[in-house]
């Protein structure tokens, strides 16, 4: 009997069974980014300092550059996992939500 090929949806649902971390881990309190027609760039920061003129200066720990496809897959993974997290632990309040409550 011939095995049928997996659909892309089935492939997406497969879990990673093994992974090796080869780079540093970075703890971030926020992220900002930009995109071009070639890629998406996301900078992760762990500190914000006030400049003399009152503007915020973000201290970036790392920047990740992703292809559009990788960005879309990350977006889907985050949406699924944030929904699962919030189902178990409650709504995550964003900075915008906290400001609106003031």
Protein backbone atom coordinates (compact mmCIF):
# COMPACT_ATOMS: atom_id res chain seq x y z
CA UNK A 1 0.00 0.00 0.00
CA UNK A 2 1.34 3.39 -1.03
CA UNK A 3 1.76 6.12 1.61
CA UNK A 4 -0.05 9.33 0.77
CA UNK A 5 1.89 12.60 0.80
CA UNK A 6 1.26 14.90 3.73
CA UNK A 7 -0.65 18.09 3.09
CA UNK A 8 0.94 21.40 4.03
CA UNK A 9 -1.55 21.71 6.92
CA UNK A 10 -0.45 18.33 8.29
CA UNK A 11 3.20 19.34 7.99
CA UNK A 12 2.53 22.58 9.89
CA UNK A 13 0.85 20.68 12.72
CA UNK A 14 3.82 18.36 13.22
CA UNK A 15 5.70 19.22 16.35
CA UNK A 16 9.43 19.68 16.54
CA UNK A 17 10.78 16.65 18.35
CA UNK A 18 14.38 17.80 18.61
CA UNK A 19 16.12 21.17 18.51
CA UNK A 20 19.59 22.41 19.32
CA UNK A 21 20.17 26.00 20.48
CA UNK A 22 23.41 27.25 18.93
CA UNK A 23 23.03 30.98 19.59
CA UNK A 24 22.50 33.09 22.69
CA UNK A 25 19.12 33.39 24.36
CA UNK A 26 17.84 36.94 24.74
CA UNK A 27 15.18 38.12 27.19
CA UNK A 28 13.16 40.95 25.70
CA UNK A 29 10.46 43.25 27.07
CA UNK A 30 9.42 44.42 23.62
CA UNK A 31 10.00 44.35 19.90
CA UNK A 32 9.79 46.78 17.02
CA UNK A 33 10.44 46.26 13.38
CA UNK A 34 10.15 47.20 9.78
CA UNK A 35 9.83 45.41 6.49
CA UNK A 36 10.97 45.73 2.91
CA UNK A 37 9.93 43.84 -0.20
CA UNK A 38 12.72 41.34 0.65
CA UNK A 39 12.46 40.69 4.37
CA UNK A 40 11.10 41.56 7.81
CA UNK A 41 13.44 42.87 10.52
CA UNK A 42 12.44 42.62 14.16
CA UNK A 43 14.57 44.21 16.87
CA UNK A 44 14.14 42.93 20.42
CA UNK A 45 14.89 45.28 23.30
CA UNK A 46 15.27 44.79 27.02
CA UNK A 47 15.71 48.38 28.17
CA UNK A 48 14.29 51.80 27.39
CA UNK A 49 16.14 54.95 28.41
CA UNK A 50 14.95 58.55 28.27
CA UNK A 51 17.09 60.83 26.15
CA UNK A 52 17.74 64.43 27.24
CA UNK A 53 15.04 65.66 24.83
CA UNK A 54 12.48 63.31 26.43
CA UNK A 55 12.36 60.77 23.60
CA UNK A 56 12.68 57.07 24.34
CA UNK A 57 15.86 55.30 23.31
CA UNK A 58 15.50 51.54 22.93
CA UNK A 59 18.49 49.38 23.82
CA UNK A 60 18.39 46.49 21.35
CA UNK A 61 19.84 43.12 22.27
CA UNK A 62 19.36 41.47 18.90
CA UNK A 63 17.70 41.76 15.53
CA UNK A 64 16.09 38.90 13.63
CA UNK A 65 15.78 39.07 9.85
CA UNK A 66 13.08 36.82 8.38
CA UNK A 67 11.86 35.97 4.92
CA UNK A 68 8.22 36.86 4.24
CA UNK A 69 7.29 33.16 4.46
CA UNK A 70 9.08 32.69 7.79
CA UNK A 71 7.39 35.84 9.09
CA UNK A 72 3.96 34.52 8.12
CA UNK A 73 4.67 31.16 9.78
CA UNK A 74 5.91 32.93 12.93
CA UNK A 75 2.76 35.08 12.94
CA UNK A 76 0.53 31.99 12.74
CA UNK A 77 2.55 30.18 15.44
CA UNK A 78 2.37 33.20 17.75
CA UNK A 79 -1.38 33.66 17.20
CA UNK A 80 -2.07 30.00 18.04
CA UNK A 81 0.19 29.94 21.08
CA UNK A 82 -0.94 33.30 22.50
CA UNK A 83 -4.56 32.13 22.21
CA UNK A 84 -3.68 28.91 24.05
CA UNK A 85 -1.74 30.85 26.72
CA UNK A 86 -4.62 33.29 27.27
CA UNK A 87 -7.10 30.42 27.49
CA UNK A 88 -5.04 28.92 30.33
CA UNK A 89 -3.77 32.08 32.07
CA UNK A 90 -6.04 34.96 31.10
CA UNK A 91 -5.74 37.92 28.75
CA UNK A 92 -2.28 39.38 28.23
CA UNK A 93 -2.58 43.14 28.59
CA UNK A 94 -0.55 45.03 26.02
CA UNK A 95 1.00 48.44 26.65
CA UNK A 96 -1.78 49.96 24.51
CA UNK A 97 -4.46 48.26 26.62
CA UNK A 98 -2.87 49.49 29.85
CA UNK A 99 -2.72 53.09 28.55
CA UNK A 100 -6.40 52.94 27.56
CA UNK A 101 -7.30 51.90 31.13
CA UNK A 102 -5.68 55.04 32.59
